[in-house]
Amino acid sequence: MNTSRQGTTPHPRGPAIHFTDLTLGYDRHPAVHHLTAEIEAGGMVAIVGPNGAGKSTLLKSVAGALAPLGGGIRVEGGLRRTIAYLPQLAEIDRTFPICLYDLVATGLWCRTGLFGGFSRADRDAVAQALAHVGLTGFERRTIDALSGGQMQRALFARLMLQDADVILLDEPLTAVDTKTAADLLAILRGWHAERRTILAVLHDLSLVRELFPQTLLLARKRVAFGATADVLSPANLQKARHMIEAFDEAAHICEQDRAAAQ
């Protein structure tokens, strides 16, 4: 399947996503503190950091699933209407009674609506997406019968149909086999070539160094952001580990907020 969009204008240059003094959390427990950064349109950015660094929380906020506790997120132009979000595989209910074809076809809902019918062109697009990820012949298989790799392929096919300008991926290569990982990485490279904006949470730093031009290193706060080779220095990685160890999970308000309130 050719994932390029026909007849569309090139992506604009300049920032696509702005984080301004952004604080995120749950039940007033902050998970990301006072993050300021700009993601360039068409950028391919890895989000890395120790466990509990706030990486998944940040993606959820960009997707609109989590409101800020403070500060803000701004997505330029109409891009917020074309954000595609892939959560961690473990967060998806595999017991839901749906077949693979219907799961992938939900990627068209942003255009057809929940109760809209599918045209012949829509059905062809679903078939092409399934072929592109190597799942032709699996259409009627229920998702509880899929392997981890097959499920992730199906979710990538759904992303293709969403045809989004901004693509958010939370640990997209977890629990997949080597062949599936290579195929999904090829899709990522294609999206990057099309100047879609990609933010991906990853743990494999060697892969990040190989594939991602830019990296945001989080440890509840911004440790470093910029060219991957510069960000993933031994000093920065050690600093991130120390910052995570120093955080108080029970804190209701961070020190910067406390000082401002006094």
C-alpha atoms as a PDB file:
ATOM      1  CA  MET A   1       0.000   0.000   0.000  1.00  0.00           C
ATOM      2  CA  ASN A   2       1.293   3.436  -0.881  1.00  0.00           C
ATOM      3  CA  THR A   3       0.759   5.466   2.291  1.00  0.00           C
ATOM      4  CA  SER A   4       1.429   8.787   0.553  1.00  0.00           C
ATOM      5  CA  ARG A   5      -1.551  11.078   0.281  1.00  0.00           C
ATOM      6  CA  GLN A   6      -2.517  12.047  -3.211  1.00  0.00           C
ATOM      7  CA  GLY A   7      -3.121  15.699  -4.045  1.00  0.00           C
ATOM      8  CA  THR A   8      -2.087  17.075  -0.663  1.00  0.00           C
ATOM      9  CA  THR A   9       0.227  19.991  -0.048  1.00  0.00           C
ATOM     10  CA  PRO A  10       3.616  19.475   1.616  1.00  0.00           C
ATOM     11  CA  HIS A  11       3.790  19.707   5.384  1.00  0.00           C
ATOM     12  CA  PRO A  12       4.632  23.217   6.598  1.00  0.00           C
ATOM     13  CA  ARG A  13       7.967  23.821   8.223  1.00  0.00           C
ATOM     14  CA  GLY A  14       8.253  25.197  11.735  1.00  0.00           C
ATOM     15  CA  PRO A  15       6.996  23.870  15.069  1.00  0.00           C
ATOM     16  CA  ALA A  16       4.044  21.463  14.986  1.00  0.00           C
ATOM     17  CA  ILE A  17       3.662  20.920  18.743  1.00  0.00           C
ATOM     18  CA  HIS A  18       4.480  23.341  21.558  1.00  0.00           C
ATOM     19  CA  PHE A  19       4.848  22.297  25.206  1.00  0.00           C
ATOM     20  CA  THR A  20       4.812  25.390  27.425  1.00  0.00           C
ATOM     21  CA  ASP A  21       5.601  24.967  31.124  1.00  0.00           C
ATOM     22  CA  LEU A  22       3.555  21.746  30.910  1.00  0.00           C
ATOM     23  CA  THR A  23       2.753  19.811  34.074  1.00  0.00           C
ATOM     24  CA  LEU A  24       0.805  16.545  33.861  1.00  0.00           C
ATOM     25  CA  GLY A  25      -0.358  14.054  36.433  1.00  0.00           C
ATOM     26  CA  TYR A  26      -3.104  11.981  37.988  1.00  0.00           C
ATOM     27  CA  ASP A  27      -5.132  12.963  41.065  1.00  0.00           C
ATOM     28  CA  ARG A  28      -2.823  15.970  41.476  1.00  0.00           C
ATOM     29  CA  HIS A  29       0.233  13.694  41.610  1.00  0.00           C
ATOM     30  CA  PRO A  30       2.532  15.219  38.992  1.00  0.00           C
ATOM     31  CA  ALA A  31       4.107  12.879  36.443  1.00  0.00           C
ATOM     32  CA  VAL A  32       5.666  15.462  34.114  1.00  0.00           C
ATOM     33  CA  HIS A  33       6.921  18.760  35.522  1.00  0.00           C
ATOM     34  CA  HIS A  34       7.184  22.112  33.718  1.00  0.00           C
ATOM     35  CA  LEU A  35       8.145  20.802  30.296  1.00  0.00           C
ATOM     36  CA  THR A  36       8.903  23.368  27.620  1.00  0.00           C
ATOM     37  CA  ALA A  37       9.851  22.183  24.131  1.00  0.00           C
ATOM     38  CA  GLU A  38       8.902  22.527  20.471  1.00  0.00           C
ATOM     39  CA  ILE A  39       8.509  19.597  18.079  1.00  0.00           C
ATOM     40  CA  GLU A  40       9.189  20.560  14.482  1.00  0.00           C
ATOM     41  CA  ALA A  41       6.677  19.648  11.776  1.00  0.00           C
ATOM     42  CA  GLY A  42       7.879  16.503  10.070  1.00  0.00           C
ATOM     43  CA  GLY A  43      10.181  15.686  12.971  1.00  0.00           C
ATOM     44  CA  MET A  44      10.880  12.132  14.103  1.00  0.00           C
ATOM     45  CA  VAL A  45      11.402  12.293  17.856  1.00  0.00           C
ATOM     46  CA  ALA A  46      12.074   9.482  20.313  1.00  0.00           C
ATOM     47  CA  ILE A  47      10.911   9.931  23.902  1.00  0.00           C
ATOM     48  CA  VAL A  48      13.148   8.019  26.292  1.00  0.00           C
ATOM     49  CA  GLY A  49      13.833   7.865  29.998  1.00  0.00           C
ATOM     50  CA  PRO A  50      13.770   5.548  33.011  1.00  0.00           C
ATOM     51  CA  ASN A  51      10.617   3.741  34.095  1.00  0.00           C
ATOM     52  CA  GLY A  52       8.204   6.220  35.635  1.00  0.00           C
ATOM     53  CA  ALA A  53       9.670   9.151  33.707  1.00  0.00           C
ATOM     54  CA  GLY A  54       6.296  10.317  32.355  1.00  0.00           C
ATOM     55  CA  LYS A  55       6.814   9.208  28.746  1.00  0.00           C
ATOM     56  CA  SER A  56       3.427   7.554  28.203  1.00  0.00           C
ATOM     57  CA  THR A  57       1.713  10.317  30.145  1.00  0.00           C
ATOM     58  CA  LEU A  58       3.147  12.880  27.744  1.00  0.00           C
ATOM     59  CA  LEU A  59       1.837  11.019  24.688  1.00  0.00           C
ATOM     60  CA  LYS A  60      -1.627  10.725  26.234  1.00  0.00           C
ATOM     61  CA  SER A  61      -1.707  14.455  26.778  1.00  0.00           C
ATOM     62  CA  VAL A  62      -0.794  15.188  23.143  1.00  0.00           C
ATOM     63  CA  ALA A  63      -3.547  12.774  22.066  1.00  0.00           C
ATOM     64  CA  GLY A  64      -6.007  14.771  24.150  1.00  0.00           C
ATOM     65  CA  ALA A  65      -6.673  11.970  26.643  1.00  0.00           C
ATOM     66  CA  LEU A  66      -5.182  13.794  29.632  1.00  0.00           C
ATOM     67  CA  ALA A  67      -5.692  17.444  30.552  1.00  0.00           C
ATOM     68  CA  PRO A  68      -2.712  19.418  31.894  1.00  0.00           C
ATOM     69  CA  LEU A  69      -2.421  20.271  35.570  1.00  0.00           C
ATOM     70  CA  GLY A  70      -0.559  23.392  34.508  1.00  0.00           C
ATOM     71  CA  GLY A  71       0.917  25.005  31.428  1.00  0.00           C
ATOM     72  CA  GLY A  72      -0.290  23.853  28.052  1.00  0.00           C
ATOM     73  CA  ILE A  73       0.062  22.016  24.772  1.00  0.00           C
ATOM     74  CA  ARG A  74      -0.568  23.724  21.454  1.00  0.00           C
ATOM     75  CA  VAL A  75      -0.814  21.814  18.198  1.00  0.00           C
ATOM     76  CA  GLU A  76      -0.469  24.096  15.191  1.00  0.00           C
ATOM     77  CA  GLY A  77      -3.189  24.646  12.612  1.00  0.00           C
ATOM     78  CA  GLY A  78      -5.603  21.776  12.144  1.00  0.00           C
ATOM     79  CA  LEU A  79      -3.119  19.100  13.113  1.00  0.00           C
ATOM     80  CA  ARG A  80      -4.970  18.173  16.314  1.00  0.00           C
ATOM     81  CA  ARG A  81      -7.774  16.905  14.102  1.00  0.00           C
ATOM     82  CA  THR A  82      -5.328  14.521  12.454  1.00  0.00           C
ATOM     83  CA  ILE A  83      -3.511  12.911  15.370  1.00  0.00           C
ATOM     84  CA  ALA A  84      -3.190   9.127  15.408  1.00  0.00           C
ATOM     85  CA  TYR A  85      -2.328   7.478  18.722  1.00  0.00           C
ATOM     86  CA  LEU A  86      -1.049   3.946  19.278  1.00  0.00           C
ATOM     87  CA  PRO A  87      -1.148   3.063  23.003  1.00  0.00           C
ATOM     88  CA  GLN A  88       0.891   0.312  24.583  1.00  0.00           C
ATOM     89  CA  LEU A  89      -0.220  -3.136  23.445  1.00  0.00           C
ATOM     90  CA  ALA A  90      -0.910  -4.101  27.063  1.00  0.00           C
ATOM     91  CA  GLU A  91      -3.554  -1.344  27.324  1.00  0.00           C
ATOM     92  CA  ILE A  92      -5.711  -2.788  24.545  1.00  0.00           C
ATOM     93  CA  ASP A  93      -8.561  -5.085  25.558  1.00  0.00           C
ATOM     94  CA  ARG A  94      -7.890  -8.228  23.546  1.00  0.00           C
ATOM     95  CA  THR A  95     -11.095  -9.871  24.823  1.00  0.00           C
ATOM     96  CA  PHE A  96     -13.332  -7.408  22.947  1.00  0.00           C
ATOM     97  CA  PRO A  97     -15.299  -9.419  20.359  1.00  0.00           C
ATOM     98  CA  ILE A  98     -14.059  -7.883  17.126  1.00  0.00           C
ATOM     99  CA  CYS A  99     -12.330  -9.386  14.116  1.00  0.00           C
ATOM    100  CA  LEU A 100      -9.102  -8.090  12.643  1.00  0.00           C
ATOM    101  CA  TYR A 101     -10.790  -6.558   9.585  1.00  0.00           C
ATOM    102  CA  ASP A 102     -13.233  -4.542  11.660  1.00  0.00           C
ATOM    103  CA  LEU A 103     -10.456  -3.373  13.993  1.00  0.00           C
ATOM    104  CA  VAL A 104      -8.387  -2.065  11.090  1.00  0.00           C
ATOM    105  CA  ALA A 105     -11.424  -0.474   9.450  1.00  0.00           C
ATOM    106  CA  THR A 106     -11.973   1.724  12.517  1.00  0.00           C
ATOM    107  CA  GLY A 107      -9.079   3.766  11.150  1.00  0.00           C
ATOM    108  CA  LEU A 108     -11.572   5.205   8.652  1.00  0.00           C
ATOM    109  CA  TRP A 109     -13.957   6.489  11.333  1.00  0.00           C
ATOM    110  CA  CYS A 110     -12.263   9.882  11.398  1.00  0.00           C
ATOM    111  CA  ARG A 111     -13.606  10.345   7.861  1.00  0.00           C
ATOM    112  CA  THR A 112     -16.758   8.222   7.703  1.00  0.00           C
ATOM    113  CA  GLY A 113     -18.020   8.701  11.260  1.00  0.00           C
ATOM    114  CA  LEU A 114     -18.966   5.939  13.668  1.00  0.00           C
ATOM    115  CA  PHE A 115     -22.115   4.973  11.776  1.00  0.00           C
ATOM    116  CA  GLY A 116     -21.049   5.893   8.261  1.00  0.00           C
ATOM    117  CA  GLY A 117     -21.073   3.237   5.579  1.00  0.00           C
ATOM    118  CA  PHE A 118     -17.982   2.082   3.724  1.00  0.00           C
ATOM    119  CA  SER A 119     -17.649   2.654  -0.002  1.00  0.00           C
ATOM    120  CA  ARG A 120     -15.889   0.362  -2.423  1.00  0.00           C
ATOM    121  CA  ALA A 121     -12.871   2.680  -2.203  1.00  0.00           C
ATOM    122  CA  ASP A 122     -12.912   2.364   1.592  1.00  0.00           C
ATOM    123  CA  ARG A 123     -12.965  -1.433   1.405  1.00  0.00           C
ATOM    124  CA  ASP A 124     -10.108  -1.345  -1.089  1.00  0.00           C
ATOM    125  CA  ALA A 125      -8.121   0.893   1.276  1.00  0.00           C
ATOM    126  CA  VAL A 126      -8.596  -1.567   4.144  1.00  0.00           C
ATOM    127  CA  ALA A 127      -7.498  -4.449   1.920  1.00  0.00           C
ATOM    128  CA  GLN A 128      -4.410  -2.529   0.820  1.00  0.00           C
ATOM    129  CA  ALA A 129      -3.481  -1.658   4.404  1.00  0.00           C
ATOM    130  CA  LEU A 130      -3.805  -5.302   5.436  1.00  0.00           C
ATOM    131  CA  ALA A 131      -1.653  -6.373   2.503  1.00  0.00           C
ATOM    132  CA  HIS A 132       0.965  -3.773   3.352  1.00  0.00           C
ATOM    133  CA  VAL A 133       1.422  -5.178   6.862  1.00  0.00           C
ATOM    134  CA  GLY A 134       1.280  -8.805   5.707  1.00  0.00           C
ATOM    135  CA  LEU A 135      -2.127  -9.732   7.147  1.00  0.00           C
ATOM    136  CA  THR A 136      -4.069 -10.679   4.013  1.00  0.00           C
ATOM    137  CA  GLY A 137      -6.043 -13.815   4.839  1.00  0.00           C
ATOM    138  CA  PHE A 138      -6.401 -12.975   8.529  1.00  0.00           C
ATOM    139  CA  GLU A 139      -9.422 -10.696   8.086  1.00  0.00           C
ATOM    140  CA  ARG A 140     -11.991 -12.769   9.999  1.00  0.00           C
ATOM    141  CA  ARG A 141      -9.658 -13.850  12.795  1.00  0.00           C
ATOM    142  CA  THR A 142     -10.719 -12.425  16.158  1.00  0.00           C
ATOM    143  CA  ILE A 143      -8.170 -10.228  17.880  1.00  0.00           C
ATOM    144  CA  ASP A 144      -7.897 -12.554  20.897  1.00  0.00           C
ATOM    145  CA  ALA A 145      -6.430 -15.164  18.530  1.00  0.00           C
ATOM    146  CA  LEU A 146      -3.669 -12.898  17.217  1.00  0.00           C
ATOM    147  CA  SER A 147      -0.059 -13.045  18.331  1.00  0.00           C
ATOM    148  CA  GLY A 148       1.557  -9.896  19.702  1.00  0.00           C
ATOM    149  CA  GLY A 149       3.250  -9.253  16.375  1.00  0.00           C
ATOM    150  CA  GLN A 150       0.055  -9.784  14.375  1.00  0.00           C
ATOM    151  CA  MET A 151      -1.861  -7.449  16.668  1.00  0.00           C
ATOM    152  CA  GLN A 152       0.739  -4.725  16.288  1.00  0.00           C
ATOM    153  CA  ARG A 153       0.695  -5.138  12.505  1.00  0.00           C
ATOM    154  CA  ALA A 154      -3.079  -4.699  12.593  1.00  0.00           C
ATOM    155  CA  LEU A 155      -2.767  -1.547  14.673  1.00  0.00           C
ATOM    156  CA  PHE A 156      -0.220  -0.120  12.226  1.00  0.00           C
ATOM    157  CA  ALA A 157      -2.648  -0.858   9.384  1.00  0.00           C
ATOM    158  CA  ARG A 158      -5.286   1.116  11.280  1.00  0.00           C
ATOM    159  CA  LEU A 159      -2.817   4.004  11.644  1.00  0.00           C
ATOM    160  CA  MET A 160      -2.288   3.984   7.880  1.00  0.00           C
ATOM    161  CA  LEU A 161      -6.012   4.429   7.298  1.00  0.00           C
ATOM    162  CA  GLN A 162      -6.150   7.326   9.760  1.00  0.00           C
ATOM    163  CA  ASP A 163      -3.726   9.129   7.433  1.00  0.00           C
ATOM    164  CA  ALA A 164      -2.675  11.470  10.248  1.00  0.00           C
ATOM    165  CA  ASP A 165      -0.241  14.368  10.215  1.00  0.00           C
ATOM    166  CA  VAL A 166       0.936  13.577  13.773  1.00  0.00           C
ATOM    167  CA  ILE A 167       1.591   9.972  14.816  1.00  0.00           C
ATOM    168  CA  LEU A 168       2.070   9.021  18.472  1.00  0.00           C
ATOM    169  CA  LEU A 169       3.525   5.582  19.233  1.00  0.00           C
ATOM    170  CA  ASP A 170       3.874   4.157  22.738  1.00  0.00           C
ATOM    171  CA  GLU A 171       6.396   1.303  22.760  1.00  0.00           C
ATOM    172  CA  PRO A 172       5.425   0.147  19.252  1.00  0.00           C
ATOM    173  CA  LEU A 173       8.002  -2.657  19.088  1.00  0.00           C
ATOM    174  CA  THR A 174       7.317  -4.319  22.447  1.00  0.00           C
ATOM    175  CA  ALA A 175       6.434  -8.044  22.290  1.00  0.00           C
ATOM    176  CA  VAL A 176       6.926  -8.353  18.528  1.00  0.00           C
ATOM    177  CA  ASP A 177       9.210 -10.725  16.617  1.00  0.00           C
ATOM    178  CA  THR A 178      12.270  -9.587  14.691  1.00  0.00           C
ATOM    179  CA  LYS A 179      10.581  -9.747  11.270  1.00  0.00           C
ATOM    180  CA  THR A 180       7.595  -7.723  12.478  1.00  0.00           C
ATOM    181  CA  ALA A 181       9.890  -5.140  14.066  1.00  0.00           C
ATOM    182  CA  ALA A 182      11.782  -4.720  10.785  1.00  0.00           C
ATOM    183  CA  ASP A 183       8.544  -4.351   8.811  1.00  0.00           C
ATOM    184  CA  LEU A 184       7.110  -1.780  11.225  1.00  0.00           C
ATOM    185  CA  LEU A 185      10.343   0.206  11.182  1.00  0.00           C
ATOM    186  CA  ALA A 186      10.117   0.338   7.381  1.00  0.00           C
ATOM    187  CA  ILE A 187       6.643   1.865   7.753  1.00  0.00           C
ATOM    188  CA  LEU A 188       8.048   4.424  10.215  1.00  0.00           C
ATOM    189  CA  ARG A 189      10.742   5.394   7.724  1.00  0.00           C
ATOM    190  CA  GLY A 190       8.075   5.859   5.063  1.00  0.00           C
ATOM    191  CA  TRP A 191       6.036   8.143   7.314  1.00  0.00           C
ATOM    192  CA  HIS A 192       9.141  10.163   8.098  1.00  0.00           C
ATOM    193  CA  ALA A 193       9.903  10.516   4.379  1.00  0.00           C
ATOM    194  CA  GLU A 194       6.378  11.917   3.953  1.00  0.00           C
ATOM    195  CA  ARG A 195       7.188  14.523   6.657  1.00  0.00           C
ATOM    196  CA  ARG A 196       4.595  13.328   9.103  1.00  0.00           C
ATOM    197  CA  THR A 197       5.437  14.299  12.674  1.00  0.00           C
ATOM    198  CA  ILE A 198       6.302  11.208  14.736  1.00  0.00           C
ATOM    199  CA  LEU A 199       6.709  10.937  18.514  1.00  0.00           C
ATOM    200  CA  ALA A 200       7.587   7.469  19.775  1.00  0.00           C
ATOM    201  CA  VAL A 201       8.263   6.145  23.264  1.00  0.00           C
ATOM    202  CA  LEU A 202      11.089   3.622  23.023  1.00  0.00           C
ATOM    203  CA  HIS A 203      13.411   1.730  25.348  1.00  0.00           C
ATOM    204  CA  ASP A 204      15.970   0.431  22.842  1.00  0.00           C
ATOM    205  CA  LEU A 205      18.573   3.197  22.829  1.00  0.00           C
ATOM    206  CA  SER A 206      20.596   1.567  20.045  1.00  0.00           C
ATOM    207  CA  LEU A 207      17.511   1.719  17.824  1.00  0.00           C
ATOM    208  CA  VAL A 208      16.903   5.331  18.827  1.00  0.00           C
ATOM    209  CA  ARG A 209      20.482   6.228  17.888  1.00  0.00           C
ATOM    210  CA  GLU A 210      20.124   4.473  14.540  1.00  0.00           C
ATOM    211  CA  LEU A 211      16.719   5.749  13.427  1.00  0.00           C
ATOM    212  CA  PHE A 212      15.637   8.891  15.294  1.00  0.00           C
ATOM    213  CA  PRO A 213      17.267  12.242  14.474  1.00  0.00           C
ATOM    214  CA  GLN A 214      15.980  13.856  17.682  1.00  0.00           C
ATOM    215  CA  THR A 215      15.337  12.636  21.213  1.00  0.00           C
ATOM    216  CA  LEU A 216      13.571  13.988  24.275  1.00  0.00           C
ATOM    217  CA  LEU A 217      15.061  12.548  27.467  1.00  0.00           C
ATOM    218  CA  LEU A 218      12.571  12.715  30.329  1.00  0.00           C
ATOM    219  CA  ALA A 219      12.864  12.005  34.033  1.00  0.00           C
ATOM    220  CA  ARG A 220       9.594  13.634  35.053  1.00  0.00           C
ATOM    221  CA  LYS A 221      11.352  16.818  33.949  1.00  0.00           C
ATOM    222  CA  ARG A 222      13.158  17.586  30.726  1.00  0.00           C
ATOM    223  CA  VAL A 223      16.721  16.326  31.012  1.00  0.00           C
ATOM    224  CA  ALA A 224      17.750  17.059  27.435  1.00  0.00           C
ATOM    225  CA  PHE A 225      16.170  17.581  24.025  1.00  0.00           C
ATOM    226  CA  GLY A 226      17.829  17.847  20.644  1.00  0.00           C
ATOM    227  CA  ALA A 227      20.069  15.833  18.371  1.00  0.00           C
ATOM    228  CA  THR A 228      20.011  12.206  19.506  1.00  0.00           C
ATOM    229  CA  ALA A 229      23.789  11.807  19.676  1.00  0.00           C
ATOM    230  CA  ASP A 230      24.014  14.786  22.031  1.00  0.00           C
ATOM    231  CA  VAL A 231      21.019  13.878  24.189  1.00  0.00           C
ATOM    232  CA  LEU A 232      21.985  10.252  24.794  1.00  0.00           C
ATOM    233  CA  SER A 233      25.327  11.033  26.374  1.00  0.00           C
ATOM    234  CA  PRO A 234      26.446   9.001  29.401  1.00  0.00           C
ATOM    235  CA  ALA A 235      26.217  12.118  31.572  1.00  0.00           C
ATOM    236  CA  ASN A 236      22.613  12.834  30.556  1.00  0.00           C
ATOM    237  CA  LEU A 237      21.525   9.209  31.034  1.00  0.00           C
ATOM    238  CA  GLN A 238      23.099   9.133  34.493  1.00  0.00           C
ATOM    239  CA  LYS A 239      21.419  12.425  35.355  1.00  0.00           C
ATOM    240  CA  ALA A 240      18.036  11.011  34.327  1.00  0.00           C
ATOM    241  CA  ARG A 241      18.481   7.968  36.561  1.00  0.00           C
ATOM    242  CA  HIS A 242      19.399  10.146  39.521  1.00  0.00           C
ATOM    243  CA  MET A 243      16.454  12.485  38.937  1.00  0.00           C
ATOM    244  CA  ILE A 244      13.958   9.603  38.922  1.00  0.00           C
ATOM    245  CA  GLU A 245      15.407   8.179  42.135  1.00  0.00           C
ATOM    246  CA  ALA A 246      15.007  11.587  43.811  1.00  0.00           C
ATOM    247  CA  PHE A 247      11.300  12.024  43.020  1.00  0.00           C
ATOM    248  CA  ASP A 248       8.759  11.622  45.817  1.00  0.00           C
ATOM    249  CA  GLU A 249       5.812   9.596  44.518  1.00  0.00           C
ATOM    250  CA  ALA A 250       3.574  10.960  47.281  1.00  0.00           C
ATOM    251  CA  ALA A 251       4.202  14.615  46.472  1.00  0.00           C
ATOM    252  CA  HIS A 252       1.077  16.591  45.636  1.00  0.00           C
ATOM    253  CA  ILE A 253       2.897  19.671  44.403  1.00  0.00           C
ATOM    254  CA  CYS A 254       6.354  20.041  42.932  1.00  0.00           C
ATOM    255  CA  GLU A 255       8.943  22.378  44.396  1.00  0.00           C
ATOM    256  CA  GLN A 256       8.638  24.903  41.581  1.00  0.00           C
ATOM    257  CA  ASP A 257       4.885  25.179  42.193  1.00  0.00           C
ATOM    258  CA  ARG A 258       5.399  25.391  45.933  1.00  0.00           C
ATOM    259  CA  ALA A 259       7.872  28.271  45.566  1.00  0.00           C
ATOM    260  CA  ALA A 260       5.487  30.140  43.260  1.00  0.00           C
ATOM    261  CA  ALA A 261       2.637  29.745  45.713  1.00  0.00           C
ATOM    262  CA  GLN A 262       4.601  31.274  48.613  1.00  0.00           C
END
